[in-house]
């Protein structure tokens, strides 16, 4: 069910709409990476960690997120 929701076009549209509520946002996804990829895939975990660090840096400095 989780994979189906992630790939569902309505779900994707709502995620993009949510990201667009901010003037400084980027909506990123990792293809074929379910939530558990954070603990089973070093590459997916590294990409996620970098994205979180980018958001924290942008929030602290006021810099725009890179696309």
PDB file of N, CA and C in Angstrom:
ATOM      1  N   UNK A   1       0.826  -1.198   0.000  1.00  0.00           N
ATOM      2  CA  UNK A   1       0.000   0.000   0.000  1.00  0.00           C
ATOM      3  C   UNK A   1       0.869   1.260   0.000  1.00  0.00           C
ATOM      4  N   UNK A   2       1.939   1.255   0.776  1.00  0.00           N
ATOM      5  CA  UNK A   2       2.803   2.428   0.853  1.00  0.00           C
ATOM      6  C   UNK A   2       3.401   2.771  -0.507  1.00  0.00           C
ATOM      7  N   UNK A   3       3.889   1.755  -1.225  1.00  0.00           N
ATOM      8  CA  UNK A   3       4.456   2.004  -2.548  1.00  0.00           C
ATOM      9  C   UNK A   3       3.408   2.555  -3.499  1.00  0.00           C
ATOM     10  N   UNK A   4       2.207   2.020  -3.422  1.00  0.00           N
ATOM     11  CA  UNK A   4       1.134   2.500  -4.284  1.00  0.00           C
ATOM     12  C   UNK A   4       0.828   3.973  -4.001  1.00  0.00           C
ATOM     13  N   UNK A   5       0.786   4.340  -2.723  1.00  0.00           N
ATOM     14  CA  UNK A   5       0.501   5.734  -2.364  1.00  0.00           C
ATOM     15  C   UNK A   5       1.598   6.666  -2.852  1.00  0.00           C
ATOM     16  N   UNK A   6       2.852   6.224  -2.737  1.00  0.00           N
ATOM     17  CA  UNK A   6       3.970   7.070  -3.128  1.00  0.00           C
ATOM     18  C   UNK A   6       3.929   7.351  -4.622  1.00  0.00           C
ATOM     19  N   UNK A   7       3.493   6.371  -5.397  1.00  0.00           N
ATOM     20  CA  UNK A   7       3.470   6.521  -6.846  1.00  0.00           C
ATOM     21  C   UNK A   7       2.163   7.083  -7.366  1.00  0.00           C
ATOM     22  N   UNK A   8       1.204   7.210  -6.525  1.00  0.00           N
ATOM     23  CA  UNK A   8      -0.106   7.703  -6.927  1.00  0.00           C
ATOM     24  C   UNK A   8      -0.007   9.175  -7.338  1.00  0.00           C
ATOM     25  N   UNK A   9      -0.560   9.500  -8.476  1.00  0.00           N
ATOM     26  CA  UNK A   9      -0.433  10.869  -8.995  1.00  0.00           C
ATOM     27  C   UNK A   9      -1.091  11.902  -8.085  1.00  0.00           C
ATOM     28  N   UNK A  10      -2.182  11.538  -7.444  1.00  0.00           N
ATOM     29  CA  UNK A  10      -2.820  12.489  -6.514  1.00  0.00           C
ATOM     30  C   UNK A  10      -1.925  12.751  -5.313  1.00  0.00           C
ATOM     31  N   UNK A  11      -1.283  11.713  -4.839  1.00  0.00           N
ATOM     32  CA  UNK A  11      -0.365  11.877  -3.701  1.00  0.00           C
ATOM     33  C   UNK A  11       0.804  12.773  -4.102  1.00  0.00           C
ATOM     34  N   UNK A  12       1.372  12.523  -5.269  1.00  0.00           N
ATOM     35  CA  UNK A  12       2.478  13.353  -5.749  1.00  0.00           C
ATOM     36  C   UNK A  12       2.040  14.805  -5.908  1.00  0.00           C
ATOM     37  N   UNK A  13       0.858  15.013  -6.462  1.00  0.00           N
ATOM     38  CA  UNK A  13       0.357  16.377  -6.652  1.00  0.00           C
ATOM     39  C   UNK A  13       0.183  17.081  -5.311  1.00  0.00           C
ATOM     40  N   UNK A  14      -0.315  16.361  -4.318  1.00  0.00           N
ATOM     41  CA  UNK A  14      -0.508  16.992  -3.004  1.00  0.00           C
ATOM     42  C   UNK A  14       0.826  17.305  -2.345  1.00  0.00           C
ATOM     43  N   UNK A  15       1.840  16.460  -2.567  1.00  0.00           N
ATOM     44  CA  UNK A  15       3.163  16.734  -2.017  1.00  0.00           C
ATOM     45  C   UNK A  15       3.778  17.984  -2.660  1.00  0.00           C
ATOM     46  N   UNK A  16       3.607  18.123  -3.955  1.00  0.00           N
ATOM     47  CA  UNK A  16       4.111  19.307  -4.662  1.00  0.00           C
ATOM     48  C   UNK A  16       3.367  20.550  -4.190  1.00  0.00           C
ATOM     49  N   UNK A  17       2.062  20.434  -4.040  1.00  0.00           N
ATOM     50  CA  UNK A  17       1.269  21.569  -3.547  1.00  0.00           C
ATOM     51  C   UNK A  17       1.736  21.980  -2.154  1.00  0.00           C
ATOM     52  N   UNK A  18       2.005  21.013  -1.310  1.00  0.00           N
ATOM     53  CA  UNK A  18       2.486  21.304   0.037  1.00  0.00           C
ATOM     54  C   UNK A  18       3.828  22.033  -0.013  1.00  0.00           C
ATOM     55  N   UNK A  19       4.735  21.569  -0.845  1.00  0.00           N
ATOM     56  CA  UNK A  19       6.043  22.220  -0.972  1.00  0.00           C
ATOM     57  C   UNK A  19       5.895  23.644  -1.492  1.00  0.00           C
ATOM     58  N   UNK A  20       4.910  23.872  -2.338  1.00  0.00           N
ATOM     59  CA  UNK A  20       4.714  25.204  -2.917  1.00  0.00           C
ATOM     60  C   UNK A  20       4.122  26.211  -1.933  1.00  0.00           C
ATOM     61  N   UNK A  21       3.762  25.771  -0.741  1.00  0.00           N
ATOM     62  CA  UNK A  21       3.266  26.708   0.271  1.00  0.00           C
ATOM     63  C   UNK A  21       4.384  27.618   0.777  1.00  0.00           C
ATOM     64  N   UNK A  22       5.604  27.211   0.589  1.00  0.00           N
ATOM     65  CA  UNK A  22       6.758  27.993   1.015  1.00  0.00           C
ATOM     66  C   UNK A  22       7.372  28.709  -0.180  1.00  0.00           C
ATOM     67  N   UNK A  23       7.948  29.855   0.079  1.00  0.00           N
ATOM     68  CA  UNK A  23       8.652  30.568  -0.986  1.00  0.00           C
ATOM     69  C   UNK A  23      10.070  30.040  -1.163  1.00  0.00           C
ATOM     70  N   UNK A  24      10.489  29.163  -0.267  1.00  0.00           N
ATOM     71  CA  UNK A  24      11.832  28.587  -0.333  1.00  0.00           C
ATOM     72  C   UNK A  24      11.706  27.078  -0.126  1.00  0.00           C
ATOM     73  N   UNK A  25      11.360  26.384  -1.189  1.00  0.00           N
ATOM     74  CA  UNK A  25      11.159  24.942  -1.063  1.00  0.00           C
ATOM     75  C   UNK A  25      11.616  24.213  -2.309  1.00  0.00           C
ATOM     76  N   UNK A  26      11.902  22.938  -2.112  1.00  0.00           N
ATOM     77  CA  UNK A  26      12.243  22.034  -3.204  1.00  0.00           C
ATOM     78  C   UNK A  26      11.579  20.704  -2.872  1.00  0.00           C
ATOM     79  N   UNK A  27      10.906  20.122  -3.837  1.00  0.00           N
ATOM     80  CA  UNK A  27      10.297  18.807  -3.631  1.00  0.00           C
ATOM     81  C   UNK A  27      11.166  17.776  -4.326  1.00  0.00           C
ATOM     82  N   UNK A  28      11.792  16.920  -3.534  1.00  0.00           N
ATOM     83  CA  UNK A  28      12.679  15.898  -4.080  1.00  0.00           C
ATOM     84  C   UNK A  28      12.145  14.520  -3.720  1.00  0.00           C
ATOM     85  N   UNK A  29      12.346  13.577  -4.620  1.00  0.00           N
ATOM     86  CA  UNK A  29      12.010  12.189  -4.337  1.00  0.00           C
ATOM     87  C   UNK A  29      13.180  11.314  -4.771  1.00  0.00           C
ATOM     88  N   UNK A  30      13.252  10.153  -4.182  1.00  0.00           N
ATOM     89  CA  UNK A  30      14.251   9.165  -4.567  1.00  0.00           C
ATOM     90  C   UNK A  30      13.473   8.023  -5.210  1.00  0.00           C
ATOM     91  N   UNK A  31      13.635   7.857  -6.501  1.00  0.00           N
ATOM     92  CA  UNK A  31      12.902   6.822  -7.218  1.00  0.00           C
ATOM     93  C   UNK A  31      13.153   5.447  -6.604  1.00  0.00           C
ATOM     94  N   UNK A  32      12.084   4.711  -6.473  1.00  0.00           N
ATOM     95  CA  UNK A  32      12.151   3.322  -5.976  1.00  0.00           C
ATOM     96  C   UNK A  32      12.748   3.209  -4.585  1.00  0.00           C
ATOM     97  N   UNK A  33      12.585   4.228  -3.762  1.00  0.00           N
ATOM     98  CA  UNK A  33      13.106   4.162  -2.397  1.00  0.00           C
ATOM     99  C   UNK A  33      11.941   4.258  -1.410  1.00  0.00           C
ATOM    100  N   UNK A  34      11.520   3.136  -0.854  1.00  0.00           N
ATOM    101  CA  UNK A  34      10.463   3.179   0.160  1.00  0.00           C
ATOM    102  C   UNK A  34      11.003   3.799   1.450  1.00  0.00           C
ATOM    103  N   UNK A  35      10.137   4.045   2.387  1.00  0.00           N
ATOM    104  CA  UNK A  35      10.565   4.681   3.633  1.00  0.00           C
ATOM    105  C   UNK A  35      11.678   3.905   4.330  1.00  0.00           C
ATOM    106  N   UNK A  36      11.616   2.589   4.280  1.00  0.00           N
ATOM    107  CA  UNK A  36      12.646   1.800   4.965  1.00  0.00           C
ATOM    108  C   UNK A  36      14.016   1.914   4.301  1.00  0.00           C
ATOM    109  N   UNK A  37      14.082   2.537   3.138  1.00  0.00           N
ATOM    110  CA  UNK A  37      15.372   2.735   2.469  1.00  0.00           C
ATOM    111  C   UNK A  37      16.318   3.566   3.329  1.00  0.00           C
ATOM    112  N   UNK A  38      15.762   4.350   4.239  1.00  0.00           N
ATOM    113  CA  UNK A  38      16.609   5.147   5.132  1.00  0.00           C
ATOM    114  C   UNK A  38      17.524   4.279   5.980  1.00  0.00           C
ATOM    115  N   UNK A  39      17.096   3.047   6.243  1.00  0.00           N
ATOM    116  CA  UNK A  39      17.925   2.181   7.072  1.00  0.00           C
ATOM    117  C   UNK A  39      18.557   1.031   6.289  1.00  0.00           C
ATOM    118  N   UNK A  40      18.095   0.782   5.056  1.00  0.00           N
ATOM    119  CA  UNK A  40      18.657  -0.341   4.312  1.00  0.00           C
ATOM    120  C   UNK A  40      19.479   0.084   3.098  1.00  0.00           C
ATOM    121  N   UNK A  41      19.405   1.344   2.725  1.00  0.00           N
ATOM    122  CA  UNK A  41      20.139   1.812   1.556  1.00  0.00           C
ATOM    123  C   UNK A  41      21.038   2.992   1.932  1.00  0.00           C
ATOM    124  N   UNK A  42      22.338   2.777   1.973  1.00  0.00           N
ATOM    125  CA  UNK A  42      23.250   3.870   2.314  1.00  0.00           C
ATOM    126  C   UNK A  42      23.102   5.081   1.377  1.00  0.00           C
ATOM    127  N   UNK A  43      22.877   4.842   0.095  1.00  0.00           N
ATOM    128  CA  UNK A  43      22.739   5.958  -0.844  1.00  0.00           C
ATOM    129  C   UNK A  43      21.470   6.766  -0.568  1.00  0.00           C
ATOM    130  N   UNK A  44      20.358   6.075  -0.345  1.00  0.00           N
ATOM    131  CA  UNK A  44      19.107   6.771  -0.045  1.00  0.00           C
ATOM    132  C   UNK A  44      19.227   7.534   1.268  1.00  0.00           C
ATOM    133  N   UNK A  45      19.857   6.923   2.259  1.00  0.00           N
ATOM    134  CA  UNK A  45      20.055   7.597   3.543  1.00  0.00           C
ATOM    135  C   UNK A  45      20.923   8.838   3.383  1.00  0.00           C
ATOM    136  N   UNK A  46      21.990   8.728   2.608  1.00  0.00           N
ATOM    137  CA  UNK A  46      22.882   9.871   2.396  1.00  0.00           C
ATOM    138  C   UNK A  46      22.159  11.007   1.682  1.00  0.00           C
ATOM    139  N   UNK A  47      21.349  10.682   0.684  1.00  0.00           N
ATOM    140  CA  UNK A  47      20.585  11.709  -0.033  1.00  0.00           C
ATOM    141  C   UNK A  47      19.588  12.388   0.891  1.00  0.00           C
ATOM    142  N   UNK A  48      18.948  11.609   1.745  1.00  0.00           N
ATOM    143  CA  UNK A  48      17.973  12.167   2.679  1.00  0.00           C
ATOM    144  C   UNK A  48      18.651  13.058   3.711  1.00  0.00           C
ATOM    145  N   UNK A  49      19.760  12.594   4.244  1.00  0.00           N
ATOM    146  CA  UNK A  49      20.512  13.400   5.225  1.00  0.00           C
ATOM    147  C   UNK A  49      20.956  14.716   4.610  1.00  0.00           C
ATOM    148  N   UNK A  50      21.447  14.668   3.381  1.00  0.00           N
ATOM    149  CA  UNK A  50      21.883  15.896   2.712  1.00  0.00           C
ATOM    150  C   UNK A  50      20.717  16.858   2.520  1.00  0.00           C
ATOM    151  N   UNK A  51      19.562  16.330   2.145  1.00  0.00           N
ATOM    152  CA  UNK A  51      18.375  17.182   1.953  1.00  0.00           C
ATOM    153  C   UNK A  51      17.973  17.860   3.257  1.00  0.00           C
ATOM    154  N   UNK A  52      18.007  17.111   4.359  1.00  0.00           N
ATOM    155  CA  UNK A  52      17.659  17.691   5.667  1.00  0.00           C
ATOM    156  C   UNK A  52      18.684  18.751   6.056  1.00  0.00           C
ATOM    157  N   UNK A  53      19.960  18.465   5.840  1.00  0.00           N
ATOM    158  CA  UNK A  53      20.996  19.453   6.153  1.00  0.00           C
ATOM    159  C   UNK A  53      20.836  20.716   5.308  1.00  0.00           C
ATOM    160  N   UNK A  54      20.452  20.561   4.057  1.00  0.00           N
ATOM    161  CA  UNK A  54      20.220  21.712   3.182  1.00  0.00           C
ATOM    162  C   UNK A  54      19.091  22.586   3.720  1.00  0.00           C
ATOM    163  N   UNK A  55      18.022  21.960   4.191  1.00  0.00           N
ATOM    164  CA  UNK A  55      16.889  22.713   4.732  1.00  0.00           C
ATOM    165  C   UNK A  55      17.300  23.449   6.006  1.00  0.00           C
ATOM    166  N   UNK A  56      18.028  22.775   6.877  1.00  0.00           N
ATOM    167  CA  UNK A  56      18.475  23.409   8.121  1.00  0.00           C
ATOM    168  C   UNK A  56      19.380  24.608   7.810  1.00  0.00           C
ATOM    169  N   UNK A  57      20.298  24.432   6.887  1.00  0.00           N
ATOM    170  CA  UNK A  57      21.189  25.533   6.505  1.00  0.00           C
ATOM    171  C   UNK A  57      20.399  26.697   5.926  1.00  0.00           C
ATOM    172  N   UNK A  58      19.448  26.406   5.058  1.00  0.00           N
ATOM    173  CA  UNK A  58      18.628  27.467   4.470  1.00  0.00           C
ATOM    174  C   UNK A  58      17.821  28.197   5.538  1.00  0.00           C
ATOM    175  N   UNK A  59      17.288  27.457   6.488  1.00  0.00           N
ATOM    176  CA  UNK A  59      16.511  28.083   7.558  1.00  0.00           C
ATOM    177  C   UNK A  59      17.386  28.972   8.442  1.00  0.00           C
ATOM    178  N   UNK A  60      18.594  28.534   8.701  1.00  0.00           N
ATOM    179  CA  UNK A  60      19.499  29.299   9.566  1.00  0.00           C
ATOM    180  C   UNK A  60      20.079  30.526   8.873  1.00  0.00           C
ATOM    181  N   UNK A  61      20.324  30.425   7.579  1.00  0.00           N
ATOM    182  CA  UNK A  61      21.015  31.507   6.884  1.00  0.00           C
ATOM    183  C   UNK A  61      20.097  32.371   6.018  1.00  0.00           C
ATOM    184  N   UNK A  62      18.904  31.877   5.721  1.00  0.00           N
ATOM    185  CA  UNK A  62      18.006  32.599   4.839  1.00  0.00           C
ATOM    186  C   UNK A  62      18.339  32.394   3.372  1.00  0.00           C
ATOM    187  N   UNK A  63      19.295  31.529   3.107  1.00  0.00           N
ATOM    188  CA  UNK A  63      19.703  31.251   1.710  1.00  0.00           C
ATOM    189  C   UNK A  63      18.633  30.408   1.019  1.00  0.00           C
ATOM    190  N   UNK A  64      18.485  30.578  -0.281  1.00  0.00           N
ATOM    191  CA  UNK A  64      17.512  29.760  -1.002  1.00  0.00           C
ATOM    192  C   UNK A  64      18.027  28.320  -1.151  1.00  0.00           C
ATOM    193  N   UNK A  65      17.085  27.390  -1.169  1.00  0.00           N
ATOM    194  CA  UNK A  65      17.433  26.000  -1.460  1.00  0.00           C
ATOM    195  C   UNK A  65      17.776  25.868  -2.925  1.00  0.00           C
ATOM    196  N   UNK A  66      18.780  25.060  -3.209  1.00  0.00           N
ATOM    197  CA  UNK A  66      19.134  24.863  -4.618  1.00  0.00           C
ATOM    198  C   UNK A  66      18.243  23.780  -5.222  1.00  0.00           C
ATOM    199  N   UNK A  67      17.927  23.955  -6.470  1.00  0.00           N
ATOM    200  CA  UNK A  67      17.030  23.018  -7.145  1.00  0.00           C
ATOM    201  C   UNK A  67      17.791  21.954  -7.791  1.00  0.00           C
TER     202      UNK A  67
END
